[in-house]
């Protein structure tokens, strides 16, 4: 997606889903060290980089399950701190 597309309302029919992926990224086939960081990657990029569809779906399922529990724990923690004030 272009910078302009990211800054405006997403239209599901025309836009791809992107994920912020943190890890070690190789810049080329011969890059032995890579670079650590987080980059936005769309589904097309992820699948075309060699990640298999089943592995991608499994990783995203795990991520989404963890997000729910972390979100709920964070909300409960904040509510408890507010009530203690």
N, C-alpha and C. Protein backbone atom coordinates (compact mmCIF):
# COMPACT_ATOMS: atom_id res chain seq x y z
N UNK A 1 0.84 -1.18 0.00
CA UNK A 1 0.00 0.00 0.00
C UNK A 1 0.88 1.24 0.00
N UNK A 2 0.40 2.27 -0.65
CA UNK A 2 1.13 3.52 -0.65
C UNK A 2 0.92 4.22 0.69
N UNK A 3 1.76 5.24 0.95
CA UNK A 3 1.62 6.01 2.17
C UNK A 3 0.24 6.66 2.25
N UNK A 4 -0.23 7.18 1.12
CA UNK A 4 -1.55 7.81 1.09
C UNK A 4 -2.65 6.80 1.41
N UNK A 5 -2.56 5.61 0.83
CA UNK A 5 -3.58 4.59 1.10
C UNK A 5 -3.61 4.21 2.58
N UNK A 6 -2.43 4.13 3.22
CA UNK A 6 -2.37 3.78 4.64
C UNK A 6 -2.99 4.85 5.51
N UNK A 7 -2.90 6.10 5.07
CA UNK A 7 -3.38 7.21 5.89
C UNK A 7 -4.87 7.46 5.74
N UNK A 8 -5.51 6.81 4.80
CA UNK A 8 -6.93 7.01 4.57
C UNK A 8 -7.70 5.76 4.94
N UNK A 9 -9.01 5.88 4.93
CA UNK A 9 -9.88 4.76 5.28
C UNK A 9 -9.60 3.56 4.39
N UNK A 10 -9.48 2.39 5.01
CA UNK A 10 -9.26 1.17 4.25
C UNK A 10 -10.56 0.70 3.61
N UNK A 11 -10.50 0.37 2.36
CA UNK A 11 -11.63 -0.22 1.65
C UNK A 11 -11.29 -1.69 1.47
N UNK A 12 -12.02 -2.55 2.11
CA UNK A 12 -11.68 -3.98 2.14
C UNK A 12 -11.56 -4.62 0.76
N UNK A 13 -12.34 -4.18 -0.17
CA UNK A 13 -12.30 -4.77 -1.50
C UNK A 13 -11.00 -4.45 -2.23
N UNK A 14 -10.39 -3.34 -1.91
CA UNK A 14 -9.24 -2.86 -2.67
C UNK A 14 -7.92 -2.93 -1.90
N UNK A 15 -7.95 -3.21 -0.63
CA UNK A 15 -6.75 -3.16 0.20
C UNK A 15 -6.41 -4.53 0.75
N UNK A 16 -5.12 -4.74 0.93
CA UNK A 16 -4.67 -5.98 1.53
C UNK A 16 -4.44 -5.77 3.02
N UNK A 17 -4.57 -6.84 3.77
CA UNK A 17 -4.26 -6.80 5.19
C UNK A 17 -2.75 -6.80 5.34
N UNK A 18 -2.24 -5.98 6.25
CA UNK A 18 -0.82 -5.95 6.55
C UNK A 18 -0.61 -6.29 8.01
N UNK A 19 0.53 -6.88 8.30
CA UNK A 19 0.91 -7.21 9.66
C UNK A 19 2.25 -6.57 9.97
N UNK A 20 2.41 -6.11 11.19
CA UNK A 20 3.70 -5.60 11.63
C UNK A 20 4.47 -6.81 12.14
N UNK A 21 5.51 -7.18 11.42
CA UNK A 21 6.26 -8.40 11.71
C UNK A 21 7.61 -8.03 12.32
N UNK A 22 7.88 -8.55 13.51
CA UNK A 22 9.14 -8.30 14.18
C UNK A 22 10.02 -9.53 14.06
N UNK A 23 11.28 -9.31 13.73
CA UNK A 23 12.19 -10.44 13.65
C UNK A 23 13.47 -10.07 12.95
N UNK A 24 14.19 -11.10 12.54
CA UNK A 24 15.43 -10.90 11.80
C UNK A 24 15.12 -11.03 10.32
N UNK A 25 15.44 -10.00 9.57
CA UNK A 25 15.13 -9.93 8.15
C UNK A 25 16.43 -9.97 7.35
N UNK A 26 16.52 -10.86 6.40
CA UNK A 26 17.66 -10.89 5.48
C UNK A 26 17.35 -9.97 4.31
N UNK A 27 18.33 -9.18 3.93
CA UNK A 27 18.13 -8.21 2.86
C UNK A 27 18.28 -8.84 1.48
N UNK A 28 18.92 -10.01 1.42
CA UNK A 28 19.08 -10.71 0.15
C UNK A 28 19.37 -12.18 0.44
N UNK A 29 19.50 -12.97 -0.59
CA UNK A 29 19.80 -14.40 -0.44
C UNK A 29 21.15 -14.63 0.23
N UNK A 30 22.10 -13.71 0.04
CA UNK A 30 23.45 -13.92 0.58
C UNK A 30 23.69 -13.19 1.90
N UNK A 31 22.69 -12.52 2.44
CA UNK A 31 22.83 -11.77 3.68
C UNK A 31 22.90 -12.74 4.86
N UNK A 32 24.08 -12.91 5.43
CA UNK A 32 24.26 -13.87 6.53
C UNK A 32 23.79 -13.32 7.87
N UNK A 33 23.90 -12.02 8.06
CA UNK A 33 23.58 -11.42 9.36
C UNK A 33 22.15 -10.91 9.46
N UNK A 34 21.62 -10.41 8.38
CA UNK A 34 20.28 -9.85 8.41
C UNK A 34 20.21 -8.59 9.24
N UNK A 35 19.00 -8.16 9.49
CA UNK A 35 18.77 -6.95 10.27
C UNK A 35 17.55 -7.19 11.15
N UNK A 36 17.67 -6.88 12.43
CA UNK A 36 16.54 -7.04 13.33
C UNK A 36 15.67 -5.79 13.27
N UNK A 37 14.37 -5.98 13.37
CA UNK A 37 13.46 -4.85 13.36
C UNK A 37 12.04 -5.31 13.10
N UNK A 38 11.18 -4.33 12.92
CA UNK A 38 9.78 -4.61 12.63
C UNK A 38 9.38 -3.86 11.37
N UNK A 39 8.78 -4.59 10.45
CA UNK A 39 8.35 -4.00 9.18
C UNK A 39 6.93 -4.46 8.88
N UNK A 40 6.21 -3.58 8.16
CA UNK A 40 4.88 -3.94 7.71
C UNK A 40 5.02 -4.88 6.51
N UNK A 41 4.27 -5.98 6.55
CA UNK A 41 4.30 -6.94 5.46
C UNK A 41 2.87 -7.34 5.14
N UNK A 42 2.49 -7.25 3.87
CA UNK A 42 1.14 -7.68 3.50
C UNK A 42 1.14 -9.19 3.24
N UNK A 43 -0.05 -9.75 3.13
CA UNK A 43 -0.20 -11.20 2.95
C UNK A 43 0.51 -11.66 1.68
N UNK A 44 0.45 -10.87 0.63
CA UNK A 44 1.13 -11.23 -0.62
C UNK A 44 2.63 -11.38 -0.39
N UNK A 45 3.22 -10.41 0.29
CA UNK A 45 4.66 -10.47 0.55
C UNK A 45 5.01 -11.69 1.40
N UNK A 46 4.22 -11.94 2.43
CA UNK A 46 4.50 -13.06 3.34
C UNK A 46 4.46 -14.38 2.59
N UNK A 47 3.38 -14.60 1.82
CA UNK A 47 3.26 -15.87 1.09
C UNK A 47 4.30 -15.99 -0.02
N UNK A 48 4.59 -14.89 -0.70
CA UNK A 48 5.57 -14.96 -1.80
C UNK A 48 7.00 -15.11 -1.29
N UNK A 49 7.21 -14.86 0.00
CA UNK A 49 8.56 -15.03 0.56
C UNK A 49 8.85 -16.48 0.91
N UNK A 50 7.86 -17.35 0.74
CA UNK A 50 8.10 -18.77 0.98
C UNK A 50 7.37 -19.34 2.18
N UNK A 51 6.69 -18.48 2.95
CA UNK A 51 5.92 -18.99 4.09
C UNK A 51 4.72 -19.75 3.54
N UNK A 52 4.50 -20.94 4.07
CA UNK A 52 3.39 -21.74 3.57
C UNK A 52 2.07 -21.30 4.22
N UNK A 53 1.00 -21.43 3.49
CA UNK A 53 -0.32 -20.93 3.92
C UNK A 53 -0.74 -21.51 5.26
N UNK A 54 -0.54 -22.80 5.46
CA UNK A 54 -0.94 -23.45 6.72
C UNK A 54 -0.15 -22.88 7.89
N UNK A 55 1.16 -22.68 7.69
CA UNK A 55 1.99 -22.11 8.75
C UNK A 55 1.57 -20.68 9.06
N UNK A 56 1.26 -19.91 8.03
CA UNK A 56 0.81 -18.53 8.23
C UNK A 56 -0.48 -18.50 9.03
N UNK A 57 -1.44 -19.32 8.64
CA UNK A 57 -2.72 -19.35 9.36
C UNK A 57 -2.53 -19.78 10.81
N UNK A 58 -1.68 -20.76 11.05
CA UNK A 58 -1.42 -21.22 12.42
C UNK A 58 -0.79 -20.10 13.26
N UNK A 59 0.18 -19.40 12.67
CA UNK A 59 0.84 -18.31 13.39
C UNK A 59 -0.15 -17.19 13.70
N UNK A 60 -1.01 -16.87 12.73
CA UNK A 60 -1.98 -15.80 12.95
C UNK A 60 -3.04 -16.21 13.97
N UNK A 61 -3.46 -17.47 13.95
CA UNK A 61 -4.41 -17.97 14.97
C UNK A 61 -3.81 -17.82 16.36
N UNK A 62 -2.54 -18.23 16.52
CA UNK A 62 -1.86 -18.13 17.81
C UNK A 62 -1.77 -16.67 18.24
N UNK A 63 -1.36 -15.79 17.33
CA UNK A 63 -1.25 -14.37 17.61
C UNK A 63 -2.59 -13.79 18.07
N UNK A 64 -3.65 -14.10 17.34
CA UNK A 64 -4.96 -13.54 17.65
C UNK A 64 -5.48 -14.05 18.99
N UNK A 65 -5.24 -15.32 19.32
CA UNK A 65 -5.64 -15.85 20.62
C UNK A 65 -4.90 -15.13 21.75
N UNK A 66 -3.59 -14.94 21.57
CA UNK A 66 -2.79 -14.24 22.58
C UNK A 66 -3.25 -12.80 22.74
N UNK A 67 -3.59 -12.14 21.63
CA UNK A 67 -4.04 -10.75 21.69
C UNK A 67 -5.28 -10.62 22.55
N UNK A 68 -6.21 -11.55 22.43
CA UNK A 68 -7.45 -11.49 23.20
C UNK A 68 -7.15 -11.59 24.69
N UNK A 69 -6.32 -12.55 25.08
CA UNK A 69 -6.03 -12.73 26.50
C UNK A 69 -5.22 -11.55 27.05
N UNK A 70 -4.27 -11.05 26.27
CA UNK A 70 -3.47 -9.90 26.72
C UNK A 70 -4.33 -8.65 26.84
N UNK A 71 -5.23 -8.45 25.88
CA UNK A 71 -6.13 -7.29 25.93
C UNK A 71 -7.02 -7.36 27.16
N UNK A 72 -7.61 -8.53 27.41
CA UNK A 72 -8.51 -8.68 28.55
C UNK A 72 -7.77 -8.49 29.87
N UNK A 73 -6.54 -9.00 29.96
CA UNK A 73 -5.74 -8.83 31.18
C UNK A 73 -5.39 -7.36 31.39
N UNK A 74 -5.06 -6.65 30.31
CA UNK A 74 -4.72 -5.23 30.42
C UNK A 74 -5.93 -4.41 30.87
N UNK A 75 -7.10 -4.72 30.33
CA UNK A 75 -8.32 -4.00 30.72
C UNK A 75 -8.63 -4.26 32.18
N UNK A 76 -8.53 -5.51 32.61
CA UNK A 76 -8.80 -5.86 34.01
C UNK A 76 -7.83 -5.16 34.95
N UNK A 77 -6.56 -5.08 34.56
CA UNK A 77 -5.55 -4.42 35.37
C UNK A 77 -5.85 -2.93 35.51
N UNK A 78 -6.19 -2.29 34.41
CA UNK A 78 -6.50 -0.85 34.45
C UNK A 78 -7.74 -0.60 35.30
N UNK A 79 -8.78 -1.42 35.12
CA UNK A 79 -9.99 -1.25 35.92
C UNK A 79 -9.69 -1.37 37.41
N UNK A 80 -8.84 -2.34 37.76
CA UNK A 80 -8.48 -2.54 39.16
C UNK A 80 -7.73 -1.34 39.71
N UNK A 81 -6.82 -0.76 38.92
CA UNK A 81 -6.07 0.42 39.35
C UNK A 81 -7.00 1.64 39.50
N UNK A 82 -7.97 1.77 38.60
CA UNK A 82 -8.92 2.90 38.67
C UNK A 82 -9.76 2.77 39.92
N UNK A 83 -10.24 1.57 40.21
CA UNK A 83 -11.08 1.36 41.40
C UNK A 83 -10.30 1.56 42.68
N UNK A 84 -9.00 1.34 42.66
CA UNK A 84 -8.16 1.50 43.85
C UNK A 84 -7.85 2.97 44.14
N UNK A 85 -8.07 3.85 43.19
CA UNK A 85 -7.76 5.28 43.38
C UNK A 85 -8.72 5.96 44.31
